[in-house]
Amino acid sequence: MADAFRSQRLVYRAIEENDEDIEFLHSLNLESEGRIKNSTVLFKPVNKKYTIDQANCLRGMFLGVIICLPILSENREQKGSDAASETLKPIGRASLWGVEEQDRHHRKANIGIHLASDYQRKGYGSETINWMLNWAFQMAGLHRVRITCFSYNPGARTLYERLGFVYEGSERESIWYDGEWHDILLLSMLESEWRVRSEKEKEREK
């Protein structure tokens, strides 16, 4: 499958052990809004070592990718050629985790996604989640995928339910944020639900 790591507008690649990927991941960690929406870790300044450890953790997950936006530019190296080259601009990261060796027979995982602030509210999050669901169920043979959000971010729940996730409940007053207790909201999608959803999408495209 030549386009297995592409969706309509995005490309998904492995997280490399180089300075460029560390710098990009660190830039995500320096954005306050993104960290607040994506992590329950105590909110405080983080250093480069934190990001390096995080990158190593992401590389060890069931799936850990850099979300990239392809940018086409003319190839000026070949005179008289109309060829175009493609540059992949990192705009976020995504992962499937919770599939440790001793639990692999349960065939379930959790989605994590973090987009740079300049690329939020443009549909890239939905596109990435859809690609990850397709990969999880079609390529990796998973049975269940879970995603969570926080009660102080109601827009996330609305988005996830629109994508087909089913709300299962909440961990009440489970996180402390901005001087108040908040819930962690739990949603999931089963392979059977994904298949029904995929068939409906194919029918709409005909």
Protein backbone atom coordinates (compact mmCIF):
# COMPACT_ATOMS: atom_id res chain seq x y z
CA MET A 1 0.00 0.00 0.00
CA ALA A 2 1.95 2.96 -1.34
CA ASP A 3 -0.16 5.55 0.51
CA ALA A 4 -0.49 3.69 3.82
CA PHE A 5 1.20 6.54 5.69
CA ARG A 6 -0.72 9.35 4.01
CA SER A 7 -4.18 10.79 4.37
CA GLN A 8 -5.86 13.41 2.21
CA ARG A 9 -3.58 16.29 3.23
CA LEU A 10 -1.05 14.82 5.66
CA VAL A 11 1.91 12.45 5.89
CA TYR A 12 2.83 10.41 8.98
CA ARG A 13 6.45 9.44 9.60
CA ALA A 14 8.52 7.87 12.35
CA ILE A 15 10.13 10.00 15.05
CA GLU A 16 13.83 10.19 14.21
CA GLU A 17 16.73 10.37 16.65
CA ASN A 18 17.94 13.75 15.45
CA ASP A 19 18.07 17.34 16.64
CA GLU A 20 15.36 18.50 14.23
CA ASP A 21 12.69 16.21 15.68
CA ILE A 22 13.73 17.01 19.25
CA GLU A 23 13.50 20.73 18.52
CA PHE A 24 10.04 20.32 17.02
CA LEU A 25 8.73 18.18 19.88
CA HIS A 26 10.21 20.66 22.34
CA SER A 27 8.39 23.51 20.57
CA LEU A 28 5.12 21.63 21.20
CA ASN A 29 6.01 21.30 24.88
CA LEU A 30 6.63 25.05 25.12
CA GLU A 31 3.07 25.85 23.97
CA SER A 32 1.01 26.23 27.12
CA GLU A 33 -2.43 25.70 25.56
CA GLY A 34 -1.46 22.45 23.86
CA ARG A 35 0.08 20.96 27.00
CA ILE A 36 -2.95 21.89 29.10
CA LYS A 37 -5.27 20.11 26.67
CA ASN A 38 -3.11 17.02 26.23
CA SER A 39 -1.45 16.16 29.52
CA THR A 40 -2.20 15.62 33.20
CA VAL A 41 1.47 16.08 34.13
CA LEU A 42 2.05 18.88 36.64
CA PHE A 43 2.12 22.10 34.62
CA LYS A 44 5.58 23.60 34.95
CA PRO A 45 8.44 24.62 32.62
CA VAL A 46 10.15 21.66 30.96
CA ASN A 47 13.71 21.38 29.74
CA LYS A 48 15.21 19.66 26.70
CA LYS A 49 15.93 16.48 28.65
CA TYR A 50 12.21 16.12 29.37
CA THR A 51 11.52 16.28 25.64
CA ILE A 52 14.30 13.81 24.82
CA ASP A 53 12.87 11.34 27.34
CA GLN A 54 9.41 11.92 25.88
CA ALA A 55 10.70 11.27 22.34
CA ASN A 56 12.29 8.00 23.47
CA CYS A 57 8.97 7.02 25.06
CA LEU A 58 7.04 7.86 21.88
CA ARG A 59 9.43 5.81 19.75
CA GLY A 60 8.80 2.84 22.04
CA MET A 61 5.02 3.02 21.80
CA PHE A 62 2.87 0.75 19.64
CA LEU A 63 2.70 3.64 17.17
CA GLY A 64 4.42 7.00 17.45
CA VAL A 65 4.51 9.42 14.51
CA ILE A 66 5.23 12.98 13.52
CA ILE A 67 2.29 14.54 11.68
CA CYS A 68 3.57 16.37 8.60
CA LEU A 69 2.08 18.76 6.08
CA PRO A 70 3.56 18.23 2.57
CA ILE A 71 4.68 21.43 0.90
CA LEU A 72 5.38 21.31 -2.81
CA SER A 73 8.08 23.50 -4.32
CA GLU A 74 9.55 23.69 -7.80
CA ASN A 75 12.76 21.73 -8.33
CA ARG A 76 15.23 24.39 -9.48
CA GLU A 77 18.20 22.03 -9.60
CA GLN A 78 17.19 20.54 -12.95
CA LYS A 79 17.13 23.30 -15.56
CA GLY A 80 14.20 23.14 -17.90
CA SER A 81 12.40 20.62 -15.67
CA ASP A 82 8.87 20.99 -14.35
CA ALA A 83 9.60 18.53 -11.54
CA ALA A 84 8.47 19.45 -8.05
CA SER A 85 9.99 18.43 -4.73
CA GLU A 86 8.09 17.78 -1.53
CA THR A 87 9.07 19.09 1.88
CA LEU A 88 7.44 17.61 4.96
CA LYS A 89 6.68 20.27 7.57
CA PRO A 90 6.07 18.83 11.07
CA ILE A 91 2.83 20.12 12.59
CA GLY A 92 2.17 17.68 15.42
CA ARG A 93 2.62 14.24 16.94
CA ALA A 94 0.32 11.28 17.45
CA SER A 95 0.55 7.93 19.19
CA LEU A 96 -1.19 4.69 20.04
CA TRP A 97 -0.15 3.42 23.45
CA GLY A 98 -1.13 0.90 26.09
CA VAL A 99 -0.34 -2.18 23.99
CA GLU A 100 2.35 -3.65 26.21
CA GLU A 101 3.51 -7.20 25.55
CA GLN A 102 1.67 -8.71 28.52
CA ASP A 103 -1.61 -7.02 27.49
CA ARG A 104 -1.37 -7.42 23.72
CA HIS A 105 -3.99 -10.20 23.58
CA HIS A 106 -6.66 -7.65 24.59
CA ARG A 107 -6.04 -5.84 21.28
CA LYS A 108 -6.82 -2.37 22.59
CA ALA A 109 -4.98 0.94 22.61
CA ASN A 110 -5.29 4.63 23.51
CA ILE A 111 -4.94 7.53 21.08
CA GLY A 112 -2.81 10.55 21.89
CA ILE A 113 -2.56 13.60 19.60
CA HIS A 114 -0.97 17.04 19.92
CA LEU A 115 -1.06 19.61 17.12
CA ALA A 116 0.93 22.84 17.04
CA SER A 117 -1.32 25.81 17.82
CA ASP A 118 -1.03 27.31 14.30
CA TYR A 119 -2.51 24.13 12.82
CA GLN A 120 -5.44 23.61 15.17
CA ARG A 121 -9.05 24.14 14.08
CA LYS A 122 -8.19 23.36 10.46
CA GLY A 123 -9.42 19.77 10.37
CA TYR A 124 -5.95 18.24 10.74
CA GLY A 125 -6.84 16.69 14.09
CA SER A 126 -9.88 14.90 12.67
CA GLU A 127 -7.88 13.76 9.65
CA THR A 128 -5.12 12.36 11.85
CA ILE A 129 -7.51 10.54 14.17
CA ASN A 130 -9.29 8.98 11.18
CA TRP A 131 -5.96 7.81 9.77
CA MET A 132 -4.96 6.34 13.13
CA LEU A 133 -8.27 4.50 13.44
CA ASN A 134 -7.83 3.04 9.96
CA TRP A 135 -4.29 1.96 10.81
CA ALA A 136 -5.30 0.52 14.19
CA PHE A 137 -8.18 -1.59 12.89
CA GLN A 138 -7.10 -2.40 9.34
CA MET A 139 -3.32 -2.72 9.66
CA ALA A 140 -2.70 -3.58 13.32
CA GLY A 141 -5.76 -5.75 13.96
CA LEU A 142 -6.87 -3.95 17.10
CA HIS A 143 -10.35 -4.47 18.53
CA ARG A 144 -10.86 -1.31 20.59
CA VAL A 145 -9.40 2.21 20.58
CA ARG A 146 -9.97 4.66 23.41
CA ILE A 147 -9.56 8.42 23.49
CA THR A 148 -9.89 10.78 26.46
CA CYS A 149 -10.38 14.49 27.02
CA PHE A 150 -10.94 16.81 29.94
CA SER A 151 -14.24 18.35 31.06
CA TYR A 152 -12.75 21.86 30.74
CA ASN A 153 -12.33 21.18 26.99
CA PRO A 154 -15.92 20.32 25.88
CA GLY A 155 -15.10 20.92 22.22
CA ALA A 156 -12.89 17.81 22.23
CA ARG A 157 -15.77 15.57 23.31
CA THR A 158 -17.98 17.07 20.60
CA LEU A 159 -15.32 16.37 17.98
CA TYR A 160 -14.68 12.80 19.11
CA GLU A 161 -18.37 11.93 19.14
CA ARG A 162 -18.75 13.40 15.67
CA LEU A 163 -15.94 11.09 14.51
CA GLY A 164 -17.87 8.09 15.85
CA PHE A 165 -16.46 7.57 19.34
CA VAL A 166 -18.95 6.48 21.99
CA TYR A 167 -18.98 8.24 25.36
CA GLU A 168 -18.48 5.68 28.13
CA GLY A 169 -18.34 7.78 31.26
CA SER A 170 -15.95 9.86 33.30
CA GLU A 171 -13.37 9.73 36.04
CA ARG A 172 -15.01 12.29 38.28
CA GLU A 173 -12.89 15.13 39.67
CA SER A 174 -9.81 13.23 38.58
CA ILE A 175 -7.52 16.13 37.61
CA TRP A 176 -6.64 19.43 39.24
CA TYR A 177 -6.42 22.37 36.82
CA ASP A 178 -6.56 26.14 37.30
CA GLY A 179 -7.74 25.96 40.89
CA GLU A 180 -10.56 23.47 40.34
CA TRP A 181 -11.25 19.74 40.03
CA HIS A 182 -12.24 18.43 36.59
CA ASP A 183 -13.34 15.11 35.08
CA ILE A 184 -11.51 12.93 32.58
CA LEU A 185 -14.02 11.95 29.88
CA LEU A 186 -13.68 8.46 28.39
CA LEU A 187 -14.71 7.58 24.82
CA SER A 188 -13.99 4.58 22.63
CA MET A 189 -14.58 2.96 19.25
CA LEU A 190 -14.82 -0.77 18.53
CA GLU A 191 -13.67 -2.46 15.33
CA SER A 192 -17.28 -3.32 14.43
CA GLU A 193 -18.30 0.33 14.82
CA TRP A 194 -15.38 1.44 12.68
CA ARG A 195 -16.38 -1.00 9.93
CA VAL A 196 -19.97 0.29 9.86
CA ARG A 197 -18.64 3.86 9.76
CA SER A 198 -16.19 3.02 6.95
CA GLU A 199 -18.94 1.42 4.84
CA LYS A 200 -21.14 4.49 5.24
CA GLU A 201 -18.24 6.72 4.11
CA LYS A 202 -17.69 4.55 1.03
CA GLU A 203 -21.38 4.82 0.16
CA ARG A 204 -21.25 8.61 0.44
CA GLU A 205 -18.24 8.75 -1.89
CA LYS A 206 -20.01 6.82 -4.67
